[in-house]
N, C-alpha and C. Protein backbone atom coordinates (compact mmCIF):
# COMPACT_ATOMS: atom_id res chain seq x y z
N UNK A 1 77.52 70.33 -88.30
CA UNK A 1 76.66 70.19 -87.23
C UNK A 1 76.90 70.76 -85.89
N UNK A 2 77.34 69.62 -85.57
CA UNK A 2 77.88 69.73 -84.03
C UNK A 2 78.53 71.04 -83.93
N UNK A 3 79.85 71.44 -84.51
CA UNK A 3 80.51 72.53 -84.66
C UNK A 3 79.63 74.08 -84.74
N UNK A 4 78.63 73.75 -85.38
CA UNK A 4 77.44 75.11 -85.39
C UNK A 4 76.95 74.74 -84.50
N UNK A 5 76.49 73.61 -83.42
CA UNK A 5 75.82 73.64 -81.98
C UNK A 5 76.65 74.28 -80.93
N UNK A 6 78.14 74.06 -80.99
CA UNK A 6 78.51 74.03 -79.69
C UNK A 6 79.51 75.70 -79.94
N UNK A 7 79.43 76.59 -81.46
CA UNK A 7 79.38 77.84 -81.15
C UNK A 7 78.32 78.60 -80.69
N UNK A 8 77.00 78.01 -81.25
CA UNK A 8 76.13 78.56 -80.79
C UNK A 8 76.15 78.78 -79.83
N UNK A 9 76.19 77.46 -78.79
CA UNK A 9 75.95 77.22 -76.93
C UNK A 9 77.06 78.22 -76.56
N UNK A 10 77.93 78.48 -76.85
CA UNK A 10 79.22 79.17 -76.50
C UNK A 10 79.17 80.91 -76.18
N UNK A 11 78.47 80.99 -77.49
CA UNK A 11 77.95 82.50 -77.35
C UNK A 11 76.99 82.76 -75.99
N UNK A 12 75.99 81.70 -75.99
CA UNK A 12 74.92 81.92 -75.12
C UNK A 12 75.30 81.55 -73.82
N UNK A 13 77.00 81.08 -73.39
CA UNK A 13 77.53 80.59 -72.18
C UNK A 13 78.42 81.44 -71.69
N UNK A 14 78.74 82.25 -72.82
CA UNK A 14 79.84 83.23 -72.67
C UNK A 14 79.37 83.58 -71.24
N UNK A 15 78.62 84.91 -71.38
CA UNK A 15 78.04 85.62 -70.17
C UNK A 15 77.32 84.66 -68.94
N UNK A 16 77.19 84.02 -68.99
CA UNK A 16 76.56 82.99 -67.58
C UNK A 16 77.81 82.32 -67.24
N UNK A 17 79.28 82.13 -67.82
CA UNK A 17 79.79 81.44 -67.16
C UNK A 17 80.83 82.46 -66.07
N UNK A 18 81.20 84.10 -67.04
CA UNK A 18 81.89 85.03 -66.24
C UNK A 18 80.72 85.15 -64.74
N UNK A 19 79.64 85.14 -64.89
CA UNK A 19 78.73 85.52 -63.78
C UNK A 19 78.98 84.54 -62.81
N UNK A 20 79.58 83.36 -62.94
CA UNK A 20 79.80 82.41 -61.96
C UNK A 20 78.23 81.28 -62.02
N UNK A 21 77.35 81.52 -63.21
CA UNK A 21 76.73 80.41 -62.82
C UNK A 21 76.99 79.00 -63.80
N UNK A 22 76.63 77.65 -63.55
CA UNK A 22 77.00 76.68 -63.98
C UNK A 22 75.95 75.98 -64.38
N UNK A 23 75.97 74.69 -64.40
CA UNK A 23 74.87 73.94 -64.88
C UNK A 23 74.58 73.21 -65.77
N UNK A 24 73.35 72.51 -66.39
CA UNK A 24 72.85 71.76 -67.19
C UNK A 24 73.87 70.50 -68.21
N UNK A 25 73.53 70.32 -69.12
CA UNK A 25 74.12 69.32 -69.46
C UNK A 25 75.28 69.02 -69.93
N UNK A 26 75.56 67.81 -70.31
CA UNK A 26 77.51 67.31 -70.58
C UNK A 26 78.04 68.07 -71.84
N UNK A 27 77.10 68.89 -72.57
CA UNK A 27 78.10 69.58 -73.53
C UNK A 27 77.84 71.10 -73.30
N UNK A 28 76.94 71.41 -72.48
CA UNK A 28 77.10 73.19 -71.63
C UNK A 28 77.94 72.55 -70.74
N UNK A 29 78.44 71.89 -69.81
CA UNK A 29 79.64 72.01 -69.11
C UNK A 29 81.18 71.62 -70.01
N UNK A 30 81.09 71.14 -71.13
CA UNK A 30 82.06 71.48 -72.19
C UNK A 30 82.45 72.25 -72.39
N UNK A 31 81.22 73.12 -72.84
CA UNK A 31 81.77 74.26 -73.46
C UNK A 31 81.87 75.04 -72.85
N UNK A 32 81.88 75.38 -71.38
CA UNK A 32 81.96 76.19 -69.93
C UNK A 32 83.82 76.13 -69.78
N UNK A 33 83.98 74.63 -69.99
CA UNK A 33 85.30 74.62 -69.63
C UNK A 33 86.16 75.28 -70.82
N UNK A 34 85.46 75.02 -72.52
CA UNK A 34 86.64 75.47 -73.20
C UNK A 34 86.36 76.84 -73.14
N UNK A 35 85.18 77.97 -72.81
CA UNK A 35 85.39 79.32 -72.23
C UNK A 35 86.32 79.46 -71.00
N UNK A 36 86.39 78.83 -70.44
CA UNK A 36 87.15 79.26 -68.92
C UNK A 36 88.97 78.95 -69.47
N UNK A 37 89.05 78.18 -70.94
CA UNK A 37 90.54 77.23 -70.70
C UNK A 37 90.97 76.53 -70.11
N UNK A 38 89.71 75.53 -69.72
CA UNK A 38 90.23 74.47 -68.98
C UNK A 38 90.52 73.22 -69.89
N UNK A 39 89.86 73.01 -71.46
CA UNK A 39 89.75 72.26 -72.05
C UNK A 39 90.37 73.00 -73.60
N UNK A 40 90.30 72.19 -74.44
CA UNK A 40 90.90 72.93 -75.64
C UNK A 40 89.98 72.75 -76.83
N UNK A 41 90.25 72.76 -77.94
CA UNK A 41 89.13 72.91 -79.02
C UNK A 41 88.80 71.42 -79.36
N UNK A 42 89.03 70.70 -78.32
CA UNK A 42 88.41 69.57 -78.63
C UNK A 42 86.66 68.80 -78.38
N UNK A 43 86.21 69.78 -77.86
CA UNK A 43 84.81 69.82 -77.20
C UNK A 43 83.96 68.83 -78.38
N UNK A 44 83.64 69.09 -79.51
CA UNK A 44 83.46 68.41 -80.80
C UNK A 44 83.65 66.65 -80.65
N UNK A 45 85.28 66.87 -80.94
CA UNK A 45 85.74 65.39 -80.89
C UNK A 45 85.10 64.39 -79.70
N UNK A 46 85.17 64.84 -78.40
CA UNK A 46 84.60 64.67 -77.30
C UNK A 46 83.14 63.55 -77.57
N UNK A 47 82.12 65.15 -78.17
CA UNK A 47 80.96 64.75 -78.08
C UNK A 47 80.79 63.61 -79.13
N UNK A 48 81.52 63.78 -79.99
CA UNK A 48 81.20 62.62 -81.43
C UNK A 48 81.59 61.44 -80.78
N UNK A 49 82.71 60.89 -79.65
CA UNK A 49 83.12 59.80 -79.38
C UNK A 49 82.11 59.59 -78.25
N UNK A 50 81.37 60.31 -77.53
CA UNK A 50 80.67 59.93 -77.08
C UNK A 50 79.19 59.23 -77.24
N UNK A 51 78.96 60.10 -78.31
CA UNK A 51 77.66 59.44 -79.31
C UNK A 51 78.21 57.66 -79.93
N UNK A 52 79.40 57.56 -80.09
CA UNK A 52 79.88 57.18 -81.02
C UNK A 52 79.74 55.30 -80.71
N UNK A 53 80.67 56.00 -79.08
CA UNK A 53 80.77 54.83 -78.31
C UNK A 53 79.61 54.00 -77.08
N UNK A 54 78.75 55.31 -77.02
CA UNK A 54 77.99 55.01 -76.00
C UNK A 54 76.35 54.97 -76.58
N UNK A 55 76.47 55.20 -77.66
CA UNK A 55 75.30 54.84 -78.65
C UNK A 55 75.44 54.25 -79.98
N UNK A 56 76.06 54.71 -80.50
CA UNK A 56 75.96 54.09 -81.92
C UNK A 56 76.41 52.44 -82.49
N UNK A 57 77.41 52.06 -81.63
CA UNK A 57 77.62 51.09 -81.18
C UNK A 57 76.77 50.04 -80.95
N UNK A 58 75.84 49.97 -80.00
CA UNK A 58 74.90 49.42 -79.65
C UNK A 58 73.48 49.50 -80.96
N UNK A 59 73.11 50.66 -80.55
CA UNK A 59 72.00 50.75 -81.84
C UNK A 59 72.37 50.09 -83.43
N UNK A 60 73.58 50.15 -83.98
CA UNK A 60 73.79 49.16 -85.44
C UNK A 60 73.84 48.06 -84.87
N UNK A 61 74.06 47.70 -83.86
CA UNK A 61 74.29 46.35 -83.67
C UNK A 61 72.94 45.52 -83.68
N UNK A 62 72.00 46.05 -82.77
CA UNK A 62 70.43 46.10 -82.99
C UNK A 62 69.89 45.76 -84.60
N UNK A 63 70.26 47.34 -85.13
CA UNK A 63 69.83 47.11 -86.78
C UNK A 63 70.32 46.02 -87.02
N UNK A 64 71.20 45.65 -87.27
CA UNK A 64 71.82 44.56 -88.43
C UNK A 64 71.37 42.96 -87.65
N UNK A 65 71.25 42.91 -86.63
CA UNK A 65 70.70 41.70 -86.27
C UNK A 65 69.30 41.82 -86.58
N UNK A 66 68.06 42.74 -86.75
CA UNK A 66 67.19 43.06 -87.01
C UNK A 66 67.24 42.30 -88.59
N UNK A 67 68.12 42.97 -88.98
CA UNK A 67 68.08 42.98 -90.56
C UNK A 67 68.16 41.62 -91.12
N UNK A 68 69.58 40.54 -90.50
CA UNK A 68 70.19 39.60 -91.12
C UNK A 68 69.03 38.51 -90.28
N UNK A 69 67.93 39.16 -89.10
CA UNK A 69 67.02 38.04 -88.93
C UNK A 69 65.87 37.86 -89.59
N UNK A 70 65.59 39.19 -90.79
CA UNK A 70 64.64 39.62 -91.81
C UNK A 70 64.71 38.50 -92.87
N UNK A 71 66.05 38.92 -93.66
CA UNK A 71 66.89 38.12 -94.47
C UNK A 71 66.75 36.26 -94.36
N UNK A 72 66.77 35.75 -92.71
CA UNK A 72 67.27 34.58 -92.98
C UNK A 72 65.94 34.05 -92.11
N UNK A 73 64.33 34.10 -92.02
CA UNK A 73 63.29 33.36 -91.75
C UNK A 73 64.02 32.23 -90.72
N UNK A 74 64.59 31.00 -91.39
CA UNK A 74 64.58 30.36 -90.95
C UNK A 74 65.28 30.22 -89.06
N UNK A 75 66.30 31.33 -89.29
CA UNK A 75 66.98 31.37 -87.92
C UNK A 75 66.40 32.37 -87.08
N UNK A 76 65.02 33.18 -87.61
CA UNK A 76 64.37 34.02 -87.14
C UNK A 76 62.99 32.97 -86.23
N UNK A 77 63.07 31.99 -86.71
CA UNK A 77 61.73 30.66 -86.65
C UNK A 77 62.53 30.06 -85.17
N UNK A 78 63.92 30.10 -85.53
CA UNK A 78 64.50 29.01 -84.28
C UNK A 78 65.03 30.20 -83.39
N UNK A 79 65.30 31.31 -83.59
CA UNK A 79 65.58 31.73 -82.27
C UNK A 79 63.93 32.17 -81.13
N UNK A 80 62.83 32.38 -82.53
CA UNK A 80 61.38 32.53 -81.69
C UNK A 80 60.91 31.23 -80.71
N UNK A 81 61.57 30.12 -81.63
CA UNK A 81 61.09 28.92 -80.80
C UNK A 81 62.08 28.87 -79.26
N UNK A 82 63.46 28.86 -79.40
CA UNK A 82 64.25 28.96 -78.36
C UNK A 82 63.86 30.16 -77.07
N UNK A 83 63.24 31.17 -77.55
CA UNK A 83 62.85 32.31 -76.22
C UNK A 83 61.21 31.81 -75.56
N UNK A 84 60.67 30.78 -76.54
CA UNK A 84 59.27 30.26 -75.98
C UNK A 84 59.57 28.98 -75.38
N UNK A 85 60.94 28.23 -75.59
CA UNK A 85 61.15 27.04 -75.12
C UNK A 85 60.57 27.04 -73.69
N UNK A 86 59.73 25.77 -72.80
CA UNK A 86 59.28 25.70 -71.81
C UNK A 86 60.95 24.81 -70.75
N UNK A 87 60.35 25.83 -69.75
CA UNK A 87 61.01 25.40 -68.30
C UNK A 87 60.68 24.12 -68.11
N UNK A 88 61.61 23.33 -67.64
CA UNK A 88 61.89 22.05 -67.23
C UNK A 88 62.39 22.15 -65.28
N UNK A 89 62.16 20.59 -64.75
CA UNK A 89 62.88 20.53 -63.77
C UNK A 89 64.38 20.26 -64.00
N UNK A 90 64.96 20.35 -63.53
CA UNK A 90 66.64 20.59 -63.35
C UNK A 90 67.06 20.35 -62.00
N UNK A 91 68.50 19.36 -62.35
CA UNK A 91 68.82 19.09 -60.79
C UNK A 91 70.45 19.29 -61.19
N UNK A 92 70.45 19.54 -59.61
CA UNK A 92 72.10 20.56 -59.57
C UNK A 92 72.57 20.30 -58.29
N UNK A 93 73.72 19.44 -58.63
CA UNK A 93 74.47 19.36 -57.46
C UNK A 93 73.71 18.50 -56.34
N UNK A 94 72.48 17.79 -56.74
CA UNK A 94 72.25 17.12 -55.50
C UNK A 94 70.52 17.19 -55.23
N UNK A 95 70.50 19.01 -56.26
CA UNK A 95 68.75 19.81 -55.35
C UNK A 95 68.10 19.65 -56.70
N UNK A 96 67.00 19.55 -56.37
CA UNK A 96 66.20 19.86 -57.87
C UNK A 96 65.39 20.81 -57.95
N UNK A 97 65.99 21.77 -58.53
CA UNK A 97 64.91 23.48 -58.85
C UNK A 97 64.18 23.12 -59.86
N UNK A 98 62.63 23.04 -59.28
CA UNK A 98 61.11 22.85 -60.08
C UNK A 98 60.90 23.83 -61.25
N UNK A 99 59.93 23.50 -61.99
CA UNK A 99 60.12 24.31 -62.86
C UNK A 99 59.25 25.42 -62.75
N UNK A 100 59.47 26.13 -63.31
CA UNK A 100 58.98 27.95 -62.84
C UNK A 100 59.45 28.80 -61.75
N UNK A 101 60.46 27.73 -61.18
CA UNK A 101 61.10 28.31 -59.82
C UNK A 101 62.21 29.28 -60.89
N UNK A 102 62.45 30.61 -59.71
CA UNK A 102 63.76 31.46 -60.23
C UNK A 102 64.56 31.29 -58.99
N UNK A 103 65.80 30.95 -60.19
CA UNK A 103 67.19 31.20 -59.21
C UNK A 103 68.43 32.31 -59.27
N UNK A 104 68.17 32.98 -57.74
CA UNK A 104 68.82 34.22 -57.38
C UNK A 104 70.18 33.83 -57.46
N UNK A 105 71.37 34.26 -57.67
CA UNK A 105 72.88 33.82 -57.13
C UNK A 105 72.91 35.34 -55.61
N UNK A 106 73.50 35.49 -54.64
CA UNK A 106 73.94 36.19 -53.82
C UNK A 106 75.26 36.01 -53.68
N UNK A 107 75.95 37.40 -53.85
CA UNK A 107 77.21 37.25 -53.62
C UNK A 107 77.67 37.25 -51.96
N UNK A 108 76.45 37.56 -51.53
CA UNK A 108 76.66 37.21 -49.66
C UNK A 108 77.00 36.12 -49.30
N UNK A 109 76.23 35.04 -50.00
CA UNK A 109 76.72 33.71 -49.77
C UNK A 109 78.27 33.29 -50.22
N UNK A 110 78.71 33.83 -51.17
CA UNK A 110 80.36 33.44 -51.56
C UNK A 110 80.92 34.05 -50.56
N UNK A 111 81.09 35.40 -50.35
CA UNK A 111 81.53 36.11 -49.98
C UNK A 111 81.66 36.09 -48.52
N UNK A 112 80.81 35.43 -47.88
CA UNK A 112 81.10 34.39 -46.73
C UNK A 112 81.54 33.50 -46.37
N UNK A 113 81.76 32.18 -47.09
CA UNK A 113 82.08 31.06 -47.71
C UNK A 113 83.36 30.98 -46.73
N UNK A 114 83.16 30.07 -45.83
CA UNK A 114 84.89 29.55 -45.03
C UNK A 114 85.61 29.00 -45.97
N UNK A 115 85.28 28.59 -46.74
CA UNK A 115 85.48 27.68 -48.12
C UNK A 115 87.06 28.85 -48.74
N UNK A 116 87.05 29.67 -48.93
CA UNK A 116 87.30 30.81 -49.98
C UNK A 116 87.85 31.65 -48.99
N UNK A 117 87.30 32.29 -47.48
CA UNK A 117 88.25 33.46 -46.91
C UNK A 117 87.68 32.91 -45.47
N UNK A 118 89.30 32.79 -44.72
CA UNK A 118 88.92 32.26 -43.25
C UNK A 118 88.46 33.23 -42.97
N UNK A 119 87.30 32.93 -41.63
CA UNK A 119 86.66 33.39 -40.82
C UNK A 119 86.29 34.62 -41.23
N UNK A 120 85.48 34.56 -42.42
CA UNK A 120 84.84 35.75 -43.08
C UNK A 120 84.10 36.44 -42.58
N UNK A 121 83.50 36.48 -41.12
CA UNK A 121 83.02 37.65 -40.47
C UNK A 121 83.87 38.45 -40.08
N UNK A 122 84.89 38.39 -39.75
CA UNK A 122 85.97 39.35 -39.42
C UNK A 122 86.43 40.38 -40.18
N UNK A 123 86.51 41.31 -39.74
CA UNK A 123 87.01 42.51 -40.60
C UNK A 123 88.46 42.55 -41.24
N UNK A 124 89.24 41.93 -41.79
CA UNK A 124 90.40 41.84 -41.98
C UNK A 124 90.78 42.25 -44.18
N UNK A 125 90.95 43.65 -43.48
CA UNK A 125 91.65 44.09 -45.30
C UNK A 125 92.79 43.02 -46.00
N UNK A 126 93.54 43.44 -44.66
CA UNK A 126 94.68 42.56 -45.20
C UNK A 126 94.19 40.90 -46.16
N UNK A 127 93.48 40.74 -45.91
CA UNK A 127 93.25 38.72 -46.57
C UNK A 127 93.22 39.84 -48.16
N UNK A 128 92.90 40.73 -48.44
CA UNK A 128 93.21 40.72 -50.19
C UNK A 128 94.41 41.36 -50.88
N UNK A 129 95.40 40.86 -49.79
CA UNK A 129 96.87 41.20 -50.07
C UNK A 129 97.71 40.58 -51.04
N UNK A 130 97.17 39.42 -51.11
CA UNK A 130 97.22 38.02 -51.67
C UNK A 130 95.96 38.27 -53.16
N UNK A 131 96.23 37.51 -53.80
CA UNK A 131 95.08 37.50 -55.17
C UNK A 131 94.18 36.37 -54.50
N UNK A 132 92.79 36.66 -55.21
CA UNK A 132 91.64 35.87 -54.82
C UNK A 132 91.19 35.14 -55.99
N UNK A 133 91.00 33.69 -56.38
CA UNK A 133 90.18 32.82 -57.02
C UNK A 133 89.32 33.75 -58.01
N UNK A 134 89.23 34.32 -59.44
CA UNK A 134 87.92 34.32 -60.13
C UNK A 134 87.27 34.10 -59.73
N UNK A 135 85.87 35.13 -59.96
CA UNK A 135 84.31 34.99 -59.32
C UNK A 135 84.79 34.72 -57.77
N UNK A 136 85.40 34.61 -57.07
CA UNK A 136 85.01 34.43 -55.69
C UNK A 136 84.48 36.14 -54.87
N UNK A 137 85.54 36.74 -55.27
CA UNK A 137 85.21 37.86 -54.98
C UNK A 137 84.62 39.07 -55.51
N UNK A 138 83.10 39.36 -56.00
CA UNK A 138 82.64 39.80 -56.94
C UNK A 138 82.04 41.22 -56.74
N UNK A 139 82.55 41.99 -55.95
CA UNK A 139 81.42 43.36 -55.56
C UNK A 139 80.89 43.68 -56.63
N UNK A 140 81.54 43.80 -57.84
CA UNK A 140 80.85 44.45 -59.11
C UNK A 140 80.74 43.77 -60.47
N UNK A 141 79.93 42.71 -59.58
CA UNK A 141 79.88 40.75 -60.68
C UNK A 141 80.93 40.64 -61.45
N UNK A 142 80.74 39.91 -62.82
CA UNK A 142 82.39 39.52 -63.52
C UNK A 142 81.72 38.76 -64.48
N UNK A 143 82.98 38.55 -65.14
CA UNK A 143 82.55 38.16 -66.65
C UNK A 143 81.55 39.09 -67.54
N UNK A 144 80.97 39.07 -68.35
CA UNK A 144 80.13 39.90 -69.36
C UNK A 144 79.28 40.83 -68.41
N UNK A 145 78.93 40.44 -67.15
CA UNK A 145 78.19 41.50 -66.76
C UNK A 145 78.79 42.33 -65.58
N UNK A 146 80.70 42.10 -65.43
CA UNK A 146 80.74 43.11 -64.79
C UNK A 146 80.52 44.81 -64.78
N UNK A 147 80.07 45.07 -63.61
CA UNK A 147 79.86 46.90 -63.92
C UNK A 147 81.10 47.58 -65.03
N UNK A 148 80.01 48.40 -66.20
CA UNK A 148 80.98 49.14 -66.58
C UNK A 148 81.82 50.18 -65.54
N UNK A 149 80.97 50.76 -64.64
CA UNK A 149 81.67 51.51 -63.99
C UNK A 149 82.62 51.45 -62.88
N UNK A 150 83.23 50.16 -62.82
CA UNK A 150 83.46 49.83 -61.37
C UNK A 150 84.86 50.23 -61.31
N UNK A 151 85.45 51.05 -62.37
CA UNK A 151 86.98 51.49 -61.68
C UNK A 151 86.68 52.77 -61.68
N UNK A 152 85.04 53.51 -61.84
CA UNK A 152 85.16 54.68 -61.31
C UNK A 152 84.52 55.13 -60.07
N UNK A 153 83.96 53.77 -59.90
CA UNK A 153 83.26 53.43 -58.65
C UNK A 153 84.02 53.19 -57.21
N UNK A 154 85.43 52.50 -57.53
CA UNK A 154 86.20 52.24 -56.85
C UNK A 154 87.23 53.57 -56.64
N UNK A 155 87.40 54.37 -57.79
CA UNK A 155 87.67 55.91 -57.61
C UNK A 155 87.08 57.11 -56.78
N UNK A 156 85.73 56.57 -56.97
CA UNK A 156 84.87 57.97 -56.19
C UNK A 156 84.91 57.41 -54.44
N UNK A 157 85.12 55.68 -53.92
CA UNK A 157 84.82 55.32 -52.95
C UNK A 157 86.17 56.23 -52.08
N UNK A 158 87.05 55.72 -52.78
CA UNK A 158 88.88 56.01 -52.01
C UNK A 158 89.34 57.55 -52.21
N UNK A 159 88.51 57.90 -53.22
CA UNK A 159 88.51 59.76 -52.65
C UNK A 159 88.01 60.11 -51.23
N UNK A 160 86.62 59.70 -51.81
CA UNK A 160 85.46 59.95 -50.46
C UNK A 160 86.18 59.42 -49.37
N UNK A 161 86.81 58.39 -48.82
CA UNK A 161 87.05 57.89 -47.56
C UNK A 161 88.31 58.24 -47.02
N UNK A 162 89.28 58.68 -48.01
CA UNK A 162 90.48 59.71 -48.13
C UNK A 162 90.51 61.44 -47.16
N UNK A 163 89.59 61.78 -48.05
CA UNK A 163 89.13 63.12 -47.62
C UNK A 163 88.45 63.04 -46.26
N UNK A 164 87.65 62.15 -46.28
CA UNK A 164 86.77 62.00 -44.75
C UNK A 164 87.52 62.08 -43.76
N UNK A 165 88.26 61.04 -44.30
CA UNK A 165 89.41 60.10 -42.74
C UNK A 165 90.27 61.44 -42.37
N UNK A 166 91.00 62.21 -43.75
CA UNK A 166 92.15 63.18 -43.41
C UNK A 166 91.28 64.43 -42.84
N UNK A 167 90.16 64.65 -42.72
CA UNK A 167 89.79 65.98 -42.70
C UNK A 167 88.55 66.04 -41.42
N UNK A 168 88.08 65.00 -41.00
CA UNK A 168 87.20 64.69 -39.97
C UNK A 168 87.36 63.49 -38.75
N UNK A 169 87.15 63.75 -37.53
CA UNK A 169 86.77 63.17 -36.66
C UNK A 169 85.33 62.31 -36.96
N UNK A 170 85.06 60.95 -36.13
CA UNK A 170 83.77 60.35 -36.55
C UNK A 170 83.48 59.72 -35.71
N UNK A 171 82.41 59.36 -35.25
CA UNK A 171 82.31 57.91 -34.71
C UNK A 171 80.61 57.60 -34.87
N UNK A 172 80.38 56.02 -34.84
CA UNK A 172 78.84 55.79 -34.96
C UNK A 172 78.72 55.71 -33.21
N UNK A 173 77.23 56.49 -33.63
CA UNK A 173 76.38 56.56 -32.63
C UNK A 173 75.68 55.09 -32.23
N UNK A 174 75.67 54.27 -32.87
CA UNK A 174 75.67 52.84 -32.62
C UNK A 174 76.26 51.80 -33.10
N UNK A 175 77.29 51.75 -31.99
CA UNK A 175 77.86 50.89 -32.43
C UNK A 175 77.66 49.15 -33.04
N UNK A 176 77.05 49.06 -32.01
CA UNK A 176 76.55 47.64 -32.07
C UNK A 176 75.28 47.55 -33.43
N UNK A 177 74.63 48.69 -34.06
CA UNK A 177 73.60 48.63 -34.64
C UNK A 177 73.50 47.69 -35.99
N UNK A 178 72.47 46.58 -35.97
CA UNK A 178 72.42 45.41 -36.82
C UNK A 178 72.56 46.06 -38.01
N UNK A 179 72.28 44.74 -38.96
CA UNK A 179 72.39 44.98 -40.00
C UNK A 179 71.73 44.36 -41.07
N UNK A 180 70.74 44.83 -41.87
CA UNK A 180 69.67 43.75 -42.36
C UNK A 180 70.10 43.87 -43.70
N UNK A 181 69.70 43.07 -44.58
CA UNK A 181 69.78 42.00 -45.90
C UNK A 181 68.78 42.60 -46.69
N UNK A 182 68.15 43.49 -47.58
CA UNK A 182 67.04 43.22 -48.36
C UNK A 182 67.10 44.04 -49.90
N UNK A 183 68.38 43.87 -50.73
CA UNK A 183 69.05 42.47 -50.88
C UNK A 183 70.53 42.45 -50.34
N UNK A 184 70.82 44.52 -50.21
CA UNK A 184 71.87 44.45 -49.95
C UNK A 184 72.32 44.89 -48.66
N UNK A 185 73.51 44.91 -48.34
CA UNK A 185 73.26 45.59 -46.30
C UNK A 185 72.62 46.77 -45.98
N UNK A 186 72.41 47.25 -45.08
CA UNK A 186 71.69 48.40 -44.75
C UNK A 186 71.43 48.24 -43.48
N UNK A 187 72.07 49.61 -42.75
CA UNK A 187 72.10 49.83 -41.14
C UNK A 187 70.74 49.94 -40.87
N UNK A 188 70.56 49.58 -39.71
CA UNK A 188 68.72 49.39 -39.29
C UNK A 188 68.42 50.13 -39.05
N UNK A 189 69.36 51.40 -38.16
CA UNK A 189 68.92 52.45 -37.59
C UNK A 189 69.14 53.68 -38.60
N UNK A 190 69.71 53.64 -39.96
CA UNK A 190 70.46 54.13 -41.38
C UNK A 190 71.74 54.85 -40.36
N UNK A 191 72.05 54.47 -39.59
CA UNK A 191 73.91 54.64 -39.07
C UNK A 191 74.20 56.30 -39.04
N UNK A 192 73.51 56.77 -37.84
CA UNK A 192 73.85 57.99 -37.46
C UNK A 192 75.27 58.09 -37.05
N UNK A 193 75.90 59.53 -37.64
CA UNK A 193 77.37 59.26 -36.93
C UNK A 193 77.51 60.66 -36.27
N UNK A 194 78.70 60.65 -35.35
CA UNK A 194 79.13 61.90 -34.84
C UNK A 194 80.32 62.06 -35.18
N UNK A 195 80.59 63.86 -36.09
CA UNK A 195 81.42 64.29 -36.49
C UNK A 195 81.87 65.85 -36.18
N UNK A 196 82.95 65.76 -36.34
CA UNK A 196 83.56 67.18 -36.24
C UNK A 196 84.96 67.28 -37.45
N UNK A 197 85.61 68.62 -37.21
CA UNK A 197 86.56 68.74 -38.53
C UNK A 197 87.33 68.07 -37.26
N UNK A 198 88.63 68.11 -38.02
CA UNK A 198 89.60 67.43 -37.28
C UNK A 198 90.69 69.07 -37.05
N UNK A 199 91.69 68.81 -35.83
CA UNK A 199 91.94 70.16 -35.82
C UNK A 199 93.37 70.68 -36.48
N UNK A 200 93.16 71.30 -36.89
CA UNK A 200 94.04 71.72 -37.84
C UNK A 200 95.65 72.40 -36.87
N UNK A 201 96.58 71.07 -37.96
CA UNK A 201 98.00 71.11 -37.20
C UNK A 201 98.97 72.29 -38.04
């Protein structure tokens, strides 16, 4: 079925690619790359992989979970009871967290803790030359909640930073602009900058 869809898309897209028209969904872009010779005949393989990795694994797991719960009503009843369990007061390191309260952890509190980072409010990238303990610096969360795209995010940031630093001269218009936390850090005046291309050497 996918082979037929790719063949049809290829016929529809060939003229538009030759005329310089791009855009469209991922499949359209893959077909455009195929027409231009940038990728080989693995378009269908890539689509199958994306469907399997991003959809089938989760949907099959959910389906099998519901199937097993239907076959084992005792487990279903226990699960149902656990999900309706009443929240009670809890004690944590000398603090009482009252029943019904929500507890939110903030990375800001950990990242600015002098126990882990000496002089935490000073900009010092060299502090990361040595490895930091696990779960101390967590800009992308950690454990089972780690951001699935954190490697891509880091790559995007590095490429963007490299391009701007090597091609432009820039400066902040308001050097002492305050930063608000809501809940992420955000420049109060939206951080306007003065920017100009670097002279060509």
